[in-house]
Protein backbone atom coordinates (compact mmCIF):
# COMPACT_ATOMS: atom_id res chain seq x y z
CA MET A 1 0.30 0.27 -0.19
CA THR A 2 1.22 3.26 -0.89
CA THR A 3 1.11 5.93 2.07
CA HIS A 4 1.55 9.69 1.91
CA VAL A 5 5.25 9.36 3.01
CA ASP A 6 5.68 7.19 0.19
CA ILE A 7 4.49 9.60 -2.27
CA LEU A 8 6.00 12.76 -0.76
CA ARG A 9 9.46 10.73 -0.95
CA ARG A 10 8.96 10.08 -4.40
CA ALA A 11 8.45 13.58 -5.58
CA ASN A 12 11.15 14.93 -3.73
CA VAL A 13 13.45 12.17 -5.39
CA ILE A 14 12.10 13.37 -8.87
CA GLY A 15 12.28 17.17 -7.27
CA SER A 16 15.88 16.43 -6.72
CA LEU A 17 16.39 14.89 -10.29
CA TRP A 18 15.05 17.63 -12.12
CA MET A 19 16.90 20.17 -9.85
CA VAL A 20 20.42 18.23 -10.80
CA ALA A 21 19.35 18.47 -14.31
CA ALA A 22 18.79 22.01 -14.37
CA MET A 23 22.36 23.25 -12.54
CA ALA A 24 23.87 20.37 -15.01
CA GLY A 25 22.09 22.86 -17.83
CA PHE A 26 23.26 26.36 -16.33
CA ALA A 27 26.70 24.77 -16.18
CA VAL A 28 26.78 23.77 -19.95
CA GLU A 29 25.23 27.37 -20.90
CA ASP A 30 28.03 29.14 -19.34
CA VAL A 31 30.42 27.27 -20.90
CA PHE A 32 28.96 27.43 -24.14
CA ILE A 33 29.01 31.54 -23.80
CA LYS A 34 32.49 31.37 -22.52
CA ALA A 35 33.42 29.50 -25.85
CA ALA A 36 31.29 31.70 -28.41
CA SER A 37 32.96 34.89 -26.55
CA GLN A 38 36.21 33.79 -28.16
CA THR A 39 35.16 34.97 -31.48
CA LEU A 40 32.18 37.09 -30.81
CA PRO A 41 31.34 40.30 -28.56
CA VAL A 42 29.82 40.27 -25.45
CA GLY A 43 26.77 42.54 -26.06
CA GLN A 44 26.52 40.56 -30.00
CA ILE A 45 26.53 37.18 -27.73
CA LEU A 46 23.84 38.35 -25.42
CA VAL A 47 21.74 39.43 -28.09
CA LEU A 48 21.76 36.53 -29.89
CA PHE A 49 21.40 34.15 -26.87
CA GLY A 50 18.61 36.23 -25.68
CA SER A 51 16.61 36.14 -29.19
CA GLY A 52 16.62 32.88 -29.36
CA GLY A 53 15.86 31.86 -25.39
CA ALA A 54 13.12 34.77 -25.97
CA LEU A 55 11.59 33.17 -29.05
CA ALA A 56 11.42 29.63 -27.97
CA PHE A 57 9.83 30.44 -24.69
CA ALA A 58 7.11 32.57 -26.66
CA CYS A 59 6.56 29.56 -28.77
CA LEU A 60 5.71 27.14 -25.17
CA ALA A 61 3.76 30.36 -24.49
CA ARG A 62 1.70 29.92 -27.87
CA LEU A 63 1.48 26.09 -26.72
CA ASN A 64 -0.05 26.76 -23.71
CA ARG A 65 -2.18 29.07 -24.72
CA ASP A 66 -0.53 32.11 -22.20
CA ARG A 67 -0.74 35.38 -22.94
CA LEU A 68 2.49 37.78 -23.74
CA PHE A 69 1.53 41.08 -23.05
CA ALA A 70 -1.28 40.83 -20.26
CA PRO A 71 -1.41 44.06 -18.09
CA ASP A 72 0.23 42.38 -15.21
CA VAL A 73 3.52 42.60 -17.71
CA VAL A 74 4.28 45.94 -17.22
CA SER A 75 3.28 46.20 -13.25
CA ARG A 76 5.91 47.54 -10.73
CA PRO A 77 7.70 44.60 -9.10
CA MET A 78 7.96 43.09 -13.57
CA ARG A 79 9.42 46.59 -14.35
CA ALA A 80 11.85 45.65 -11.19
CA ARG A 81 12.69 42.39 -11.91
CA ALA A 82 13.29 43.50 -15.63
CA VAL A 83 16.41 45.90 -14.55
CA PHE A 84 17.93 43.67 -11.66
CA GLU A 85 17.57 40.78 -14.77
CA VAL A 86 19.91 42.87 -16.90
CA LEU A 87 22.10 43.60 -14.60
CA GLY A 88 22.68 40.22 -13.37
CA ARG A 89 23.14 38.60 -16.84
CA LEU A 90 25.03 41.91 -18.19
CA PHE A 91 27.85 41.33 -15.23
CA TYR A 92 27.60 37.73 -14.99
CA ALA A 93 28.16 37.14 -19.15
CA LEU A 94 30.67 39.71 -18.68
CA ALA A 95 32.46 37.84 -15.22
CA ILE A 96 32.29 34.19 -17.29
CA THR A 97 33.95 35.73 -20.34
CA LEU A 98 36.66 37.52 -18.66
CA THR A 99 37.44 35.82 -15.05
CA PRO A 100 37.95 32.02 -14.46
CA LEU A 101 34.01 30.05 -15.17
CA SER A 102 35.13 28.20 -11.81
CA ALA A 103 35.49 31.73 -9.67
CA ALA A 104 32.32 33.40 -11.27
CA THR A 105 30.06 30.12 -10.63
CA VAL A 106 31.10 29.88 -6.90
CA ILE A 107 30.20 33.33 -6.62
CA LEU A 108 26.70 33.03 -8.23
CA GLN A 109 26.06 30.86 -5.26
CA ALA A 110 25.96 33.11 -2.97
CA THR A 111 22.69 34.59 -4.74
CA PRO A 112 20.08 32.66 -1.88
CA ILE A 113 21.59 34.09 0.88
CA VAL A 114 22.02 37.37 -0.38
CA VAL A 115 18.27 37.22 -1.35
CA VAL A 116 17.02 36.13 2.54
CA ALA A 117 19.37 39.12 3.47
CA GLY A 118 16.89 41.58 0.94
CA ALA A 119 14.11 39.65 2.17
CA ALA A 120 14.25 40.97 5.62
CA LEU A 121 15.72 44.39 4.73
CA VAL A 122 13.02 45.06 1.83
CA PHE A 123 9.86 42.85 2.62
CA GLY A 124 10.81 42.99 6.27
CA GLU A 125 10.98 39.24 7.11
CA LYS A 126 11.81 37.81 10.79
CA VAL A 127 15.20 36.82 10.07
CA GLY A 128 17.04 36.11 13.44
CA TRP A 129 20.42 36.55 14.62
CA ARG A 130 22.08 33.26 13.59
CA ARG A 131 20.42 33.51 10.24
CA TRP A 132 22.02 37.06 10.12
CA ALA A 133 25.68 35.33 11.42
CA ALA A 134 25.60 32.83 8.41
CA ILE A 135 24.75 35.35 5.62
CA PHE A 136 27.65 37.43 7.04
CA ILE A 137 29.77 34.12 6.89
CA GLY A 138 28.88 33.56 3.00
CA LEU A 139 29.40 37.09 2.39
CA ALA A 140 33.09 36.49 4.11
CA GLY A 141 33.26 33.44 1.71
CA VAL A 142 32.78 35.63 -1.03
CA VAL A 143 35.78 38.25 -0.51
CA ILE A 144 37.73 35.43 0.41
CA ILE A 145 37.24 34.60 -3.19
CA ILE A 146 37.63 37.99 -4.61
CA GLY A 147 41.20 38.27 -2.57
CA PRO A 148 41.32 41.98 -1.73
CA GLY A 149 44.94 42.96 -0.97
CA ALA A 150 46.11 39.49 -2.65
CA ASP A 151 48.65 39.55 -5.25
CA SER A 152 46.52 37.59 -7.91
CA PHE A 153 43.21 40.15 -7.30
CA SER A 154 41.87 41.52 -10.50
CA THR A 155 39.03 44.26 -10.10
CA LEU A 156 37.21 42.01 -12.91
CA SER A 157 36.68 39.53 -9.85
CA PHE A 158 33.56 42.28 -9.38
CA LEU A 159 31.85 41.75 -12.14
CA ALA A 160 30.50 38.10 -10.92
CA VAL A 161 29.71 40.04 -7.43
CA LEU A 162 27.38 42.81 -9.70
CA GLY A 163 25.70 39.96 -11.37
CA MET A 164 25.23 38.06 -8.13
CA LEU A 165 23.53 41.30 -6.71
CA GLY A 166 22.33 41.37 -9.94
CA PHE A 167 20.21 37.79 -9.86
CA ALA A 168 19.43 38.59 -6.40
CA GLY A 169 17.43 41.81 -7.04
CA ARG A 170 15.57 39.36 -9.60
CA ASP A 171 14.73 37.08 -7.16
CA LEU A 172 12.99 39.27 -4.94
CA ALA A 173 11.31 41.17 -7.45
CA SER A 174 10.06 37.77 -8.55
CA ARG A 175 8.51 37.10 -5.24
CA ALA A 176 6.13 40.20 -5.86
CA ALA A 177 5.55 39.61 -9.22
CA PRO A 178 1.73 38.85 -10.39
CA ALA A 179 0.91 35.12 -9.58
CA SER A 180 -0.88 35.19 -12.77
CA LEU A 181 2.09 35.16 -14.67
CA GLY A 182 2.97 32.00 -15.82
CA THR A 183 6.84 30.01 -15.69
CA THR A 184 6.50 30.55 -19.74
CA ILE A 185 5.86 34.42 -19.27
CA LEU A 186 8.42 35.29 -16.88
CA GLY A 187 11.03 32.98 -18.65
CA PHE A 188 10.27 35.31 -22.25
CA TYR A 189 10.83 38.18 -20.31
CA GLY A 190 14.07 37.25 -18.68
CA PHE A 191 15.21 36.20 -22.27
CA VAL A 192 13.77 40.01 -23.38
CA ALA A 193 16.00 41.13 -20.64
CA VAL A 194 18.75 39.13 -22.18
CA VAL A 195 18.53 41.24 -25.71
CA VAL A 196 18.04 44.67 -23.74
CA ALA A 197 21.43 43.98 -21.64
CA GLY A 198 23.12 42.90 -25.03
CA ALA A 199 22.37 45.69 -26.88
CA ALA A 200 22.96 48.39 -23.95
CA PHE A 201 26.54 47.01 -23.61
CA SER A 202 27.20 47.24 -27.41
CA ALA A 203 25.90 50.54 -27.55
CA TRP A 204 28.26 51.29 -25.09
CA ASP A 205 31.16 49.38 -25.98
CA GLN A 206 30.65 49.80 -29.34
CA THR A 207 32.23 47.12 -30.86
CA ALA A 208 30.82 46.22 -34.18
CA PHE A 209 28.76 42.90 -34.52
CA ALA A 210 30.79 40.26 -36.11
CA ARG A 211 29.62 37.09 -38.43
CA PRO A 212 29.65 33.98 -36.64
CA SER A 213 31.68 31.29 -37.65
CA ALA A 214 29.84 27.93 -37.61
CA ASP A 215 31.46 26.93 -34.44
CA ALA A 216 30.19 29.90 -32.72
CA ALA A 217 27.40 29.28 -34.22
CA LEU A 218 26.64 26.02 -32.54
CA TYR A 219 27.82 27.30 -29.53
CA LEU A 220 24.81 30.08 -29.56
CA ALA A 221 22.50 27.45 -30.38
CA GLY A 222 23.67 24.93 -27.37
CA ALA A 223 23.69 27.44 -25.14
CA VAL A 224 20.23 28.36 -25.91
CA ALA A 225 19.18 24.99 -25.99
CA ALA A 226 20.54 24.18 -22.40
CA GLY A 227 19.53 27.51 -21.05
CA VAL A 228 16.10 27.30 -22.07
CA SER A 229 16.10 23.20 -21.30
CA ALA A 230 17.75 24.05 -17.52
CA TYR A 231 15.14 27.07 -16.81
CA SER A 232 12.14 24.51 -17.45
CA ALA A 233 13.68 21.80 -15.78
CA LEU A 234 14.04 24.75 -12.45
CA MET A 235 10.49 25.43 -12.77
CA LYS A 236 9.75 21.20 -12.87
CA ALA A 237 11.80 21.05 -9.72
CA MET A 238 10.24 23.74 -7.53
CA ARG A 239 6.70 22.48 -8.10
CA THR A 240 7.63 18.92 -7.87
CA GLY A 241 9.25 18.07 -4.42
CA GLU A 242 9.30 19.66 -1.13
CA VAL A 243 11.29 23.59 -1.52
CA SER A 244 13.15 21.94 1.50
CA ALA A 245 14.33 18.87 -0.01
CA VAL A 246 14.83 20.23 -3.57
CA THR A 247 16.63 23.19 -3.23
CA PRO A 248 19.94 22.05 -1.46
CA PHE A 249 20.87 20.35 -4.63
CA ARG A 250 21.02 24.05 -6.20
CA TYR A 251 24.61 23.68 -5.10
CA THR A 252 25.48 20.80 -7.77
CA ARG A 253 26.08 23.86 -9.94
CA LEU A 254 29.57 24.19 -8.17
CA ILE A 255 30.38 20.93 -9.33
CA PHE A 256 29.64 21.53 -12.92
CA GLY A 257 30.52 24.38 -13.44
CA VAL A 258 34.35 23.89 -11.41
CA ALA A 259 34.45 20.54 -13.19
CA CYS A 260 33.74 22.62 -16.50
CA GLY A 261 36.46 24.96 -15.75
CA VAL A 262 39.08 22.70 -14.50
CA LEU A 263 38.92 20.35 -17.22
CA LEU A 264 37.36 22.42 -20.73
CA PHE A 265 39.34 25.81 -19.53
CA GLY A 266 42.04 24.55 -17.73
CA GLU A 267 41.57 26.62 -14.75
CA ARG A 268 43.30 25.74 -11.27
CA LEU A 269 41.28 25.51 -8.08
CA GLU A 270 43.71 27.89 -5.17
CA LEU A 271 43.25 27.47 -1.58
CA PRO A 272 41.35 30.76 -1.17
CA MET A 273 38.27 29.87 -3.38
CA LEU A 274 38.00 26.47 -2.19
CA VAL A 275 37.87 28.19 1.39
CA GLY A 276 35.09 30.33 0.51
CA CYS A 277 33.18 28.17 -1.96
CA GLY A 278 33.12 25.73 1.49
CA LEU A 279 31.88 28.68 3.63
CA ILE A 280 29.67 29.98 1.09
CA VAL A 281 27.71 26.20 0.86
CA VAL A 282 27.60 25.66 4.85
CA SER A 283 26.23 28.93 5.38
CA GLY A 284 23.64 28.81 2.14
CA LEU A 285 22.80 25.65 3.84
CA PHE A 286 22.22 26.30 7.24
CA ILE A 287 20.28 28.86 6.39
CA LEU A 288 17.58 26.90 4.51
CA TRP A 289 17.72 24.70 7.55
CA ARG A 290 17.18 27.21 10.11
CA SER A 291 14.57 28.69 7.58
CA GLN A 292 12.23 25.27 7.50
CA LYS A 293 12.94 24.74 11.17
CA VAL A 294 11.76 28.01 12.22
CA LYS A 295 8.66 28.11 9.59
CA ALA A 296 7.85 24.62 11.46
CA GLN A 297 7.92 26.15 14.92
CA ALA A 298 5.46 29.11 14.16
CA PRO A 299 2.23 28.94 15.56
CA ALA A 300 -0.63 27.68 13.55
CA GLY A 301 -2.91 30.61 12.11
């Protein structure tokens, strides 16, 4: 006889697998974008990548009969989400093209930590001293990875930090986004924001677009396919299992991203990055565990 616990456990396993698949997809997307940047300017990559992703989600929205131009699309939270999406996509794309992929991937994992801090400051969510301590420990991990004062320090390291802050702002704005907007709509406008980011950077950088080689075109097509698939898998994961059971598997992106950086781009893992990575992961998992515990202890009603 199948019990409710068995059904929930199975859903958590399936949701976790979807999450792992999503993180692998995002890592592959990063690899393709970094590879394409060897012959194409970053602005052009973002414009083409964003256009492909937006087209894919527009087709999905049509199949689902979702309205792309509903009034809620221009609501204040969605406008804020678009701004943060542009900033996050632009600076993270610059980070993975100009700095080691492994380091950019690790810094990105601090996004959930910043989201918790932002929820407390912006939405007034109650965060106890234990979680605040974990937040500061996680941010200390980011500082260790950047390494200000070290001989290997580069100001380009801040690109990943800016990208991470942009994604954190996007996630906070998404919390306030109208519930009427489904996954395909958010995905469509997320990729439209990528196009805007690329166009804005191209106007500032004033680098002429180049004709993509066959390899570059394949890299861009791979990035679009990986990005759309990863985003869809992420949404599937969050809707299949319990958030507390599925979310920790977000950190598998570290494994995929670091492995790709080392194996495909010859990057080296320095001790500061390993220490910083450990602080970010441990603090992030503690914050998640503590949030679930506090929620469970909260009085009903």
